[in-house]
Amino acid sequence: QVHLVVSGGGLVQAGGSLRLSCAASERTFSFYAMGWFRQAPGKQREFVAAITWRNGKATYADSVKDRFTISRDVPKNAVYLQMNSLKPEDTAIYYCAADTSNWNIPLPALVRENEYDDWGQGTQVTVSS
């Protein structure tokens, strides 16, 4: 099991930007994919974005497409979520997750929570109007 450390949340005004980071505390783990999910108050956790480790292909939820960008740093075993043009509806606790068991996971499958083996602690993102 890998320990994921998340950072970068905070309070920002609508239209602003934040960058979330998620890194493995140990560098010996191999990831096959990493993803970001979020949970707003009173709502179920939802998929935000994911990226395959081998070739860097990404997929996004429609609600964040063209505003958020997921990227990875393979040597650092880290994934990032650059969030631009933030909206109040983006307010949520954001979680990163790692797939360390399915080396051939197809991109569309990464929207499902149960495809991931390990989860980081959440970080609060609050967007004020």
Protein backbone atom coordinates (compact mmCIF):
# COMPACT_ATOMS: atom_id res chain seq x y z
CA GLN A 1 0.00 0.00 0.00
CA VAL A 2 1.32 3.42 -0.92
CA HIS A 3 0.94 6.52 1.20
CA LEU A 4 -0.19 9.51 -0.89
CA VAL A 5 0.42 13.03 0.38
CA VAL A 6 -1.85 15.75 -0.97
CA SER A 7 -1.22 19.48 -0.81
CA GLY A 8 -2.26 22.72 -2.43
CA GLY A 9 -5.84 23.31 -1.40
CA GLY A 10 -7.11 26.61 -0.10
CA LEU A 11 -9.50 29.51 -0.52
CA VAL A 12 -9.67 31.37 -3.81
CA GLN A 13 -12.04 33.78 -5.48
CA ALA A 14 -14.09 32.76 -8.46
CA GLY A 15 -12.01 32.98 -11.61
CA GLY A 16 -8.83 32.24 -9.72
CA SER A 17 -6.45 29.30 -9.88
CA LEU A 18 -5.06 26.63 -7.59
CA ARG A 19 -2.63 23.78 -8.12
CA LEU A 20 -3.01 20.54 -6.21
CA SER A 21 -0.15 18.10 -5.76
CA CYS A 22 -0.16 14.46 -4.80
CA ALA A 23 3.00 12.46 -4.26
CA ALA A 24 3.88 9.05 -2.96
CA SER A 25 5.84 9.13 0.26
CA GLU A 26 7.93 6.25 -1.06
CA ARG A 27 9.60 6.39 -4.44
CA THR A 28 9.76 2.66 -5.01
CA PHE A 29 6.13 2.28 -5.98
CA SER A 30 5.07 2.00 -9.58
CA PHE A 31 1.84 3.60 -10.60
CA TYR A 32 -0.25 2.61 -13.58
CA ALA A 33 -2.62 5.55 -13.29
CA MET A 34 -3.54 8.32 -10.91
CA GLY A 35 -6.72 10.27 -10.57
CA TRP A 36 -8.43 13.12 -8.78
CA PHE A 37 -11.88 12.95 -7.27
CA ARG A 38 -13.86 15.48 -5.25
CA GLN A 39 -16.71 15.51 -2.80
CA ALA A 40 -18.86 18.55 -2.20
CA PRO A 41 -20.93 18.91 0.99
CA GLY A 42 -23.99 16.71 0.86
CA LYS A 43 -22.95 15.08 -2.41
CA GLN A 44 -21.31 11.85 -3.46
CA ARG A 45 -17.68 11.78 -4.41
CA GLU A 46 -17.23 12.34 -8.13
CA PHE A 47 -14.52 11.87 -10.70
CA VAL A 48 -12.52 14.91 -11.77
CA ALA A 49 -9.54 13.81 -13.86
CA ALA A 50 -7.13 10.92 -14.34
CA ILE A 51 -3.92 10.17 -16.16
CA THR A 52 -2.21 6.97 -17.24
CA TRP A 53 1.33 6.62 -16.01
CA ARG A 54 2.95 4.94 -19.00
CA ASN A 55 1.91 7.33 -21.75
CA GLY A 56 0.35 10.29 -19.95
CA LYS A 57 -3.08 10.06 -21.52
CA ALA A 58 -5.67 12.04 -19.59
CA THR A 59 -9.41 12.08 -19.19
CA TYR A 60 -11.62 14.69 -17.55
CA ALA A 61 -15.11 15.13 -16.22
CA ASP A 62 -17.17 17.34 -18.50
CA SER A 63 -17.62 19.87 -15.70
CA VAL A 64 -13.88 20.62 -15.54
CA LYS A 65 -12.79 20.07 -19.12
CA ASP A 66 -10.87 23.03 -20.57
CA ARG A 67 -10.39 24.50 -17.07
CA PHE A 68 -8.43 21.82 -15.24
CA THR A 69 -5.25 20.09 -16.35
CA ILE A 70 -3.82 16.91 -14.87
CA SER A 71 -0.14 16.15 -15.25
CA ARG A 72 2.38 13.74 -13.82
CA ASP A 73 6.04 13.66 -12.86
CA VAL A 74 7.12 10.08 -13.23
CA PRO A 75 10.53 10.33 -11.49
CA LYS A 76 8.88 12.02 -8.52
CA ASN A 77 5.87 9.68 -8.46
CA ALA A 78 3.68 12.77 -8.34
CA VAL A 79 0.53 13.97 -10.00
CA TYR A 80 -0.76 17.52 -10.22
CA LEU A 81 -4.08 19.17 -10.89
CA GLN A 82 -3.92 22.70 -12.23
CA MET A 83 -7.29 24.32 -11.71
CA ASN A 84 -8.05 27.52 -13.58
CA SER A 85 -11.18 29.63 -13.93
CA LEU A 86 -12.47 28.21 -10.68
CA LYS A 87 -16.16 28.42 -9.93
CA PRO A 88 -18.04 28.26 -6.61
CA GLU A 89 -19.39 24.87 -7.68
CA ASP A 90 -15.82 23.56 -7.67
CA THR A 91 -15.83 23.88 -3.88
CA ALA A 92 -15.17 20.42 -2.46
CA ILE A 93 -12.69 18.20 -0.75
CA TYR A 94 -10.32 16.91 -3.40
CA TYR A 95 -8.75 13.45 -3.21
CA CYS A 96 -6.04 11.82 -5.25
CA ALA A 97 -5.96 8.11 -5.89
CA ALA A 98 -3.51 5.65 -7.37
CA ASP A 99 -3.88 2.48 -9.38
CA THR A 100 -0.95 0.24 -8.53
CA SER A 101 -2.34 -3.11 -9.66
CA ASN A 102 -3.80 -2.83 -13.18
CA TRP A 103 -0.96 -2.18 -15.61
CA ASN A 104 -3.27 -2.19 -18.63
CA ILE A 105 -6.18 -0.19 -17.29
CA PRO A 106 -8.12 1.47 -20.10
CA LEU A 107 -8.59 5.20 -19.90
CA PRO A 108 -12.40 5.14 -19.67
CA ALA A 109 -12.20 2.89 -16.61
CA LEU A 110 -10.37 5.54 -14.64
CA VAL A 111 -13.58 7.39 -13.88
CA ARG A 112 -14.56 4.61 -11.47
CA GLU A 113 -13.47 4.84 -7.84
CA ASN A 114 -13.10 1.09 -7.47
CA GLU A 115 -10.32 1.01 -10.07
CA TYR A 116 -7.98 2.65 -7.57
CA ASP A 117 -6.02 0.90 -4.86
CA ASP A 118 -4.81 3.72 -2.67
CA TRP A 119 -6.18 7.09 -1.68
CA GLY A 120 -4.61 10.21 -0.27
CA GLN A 121 -6.11 12.40 2.39
CA GLY A 122 -8.43 15.09 1.11
CA THR A 123 -7.60 18.74 0.69
CA GLN A 124 -10.22 21.44 0.91
CA VAL A 125 -10.76 23.73 -2.05
CA THR A 126 -13.12 26.63 -1.44
CA VAL A 127 -14.10 29.02 -4.20
CA SER A 128 -15.86 32.19 -3.11
CA SER A 129 -18.21 34.09 -5.39
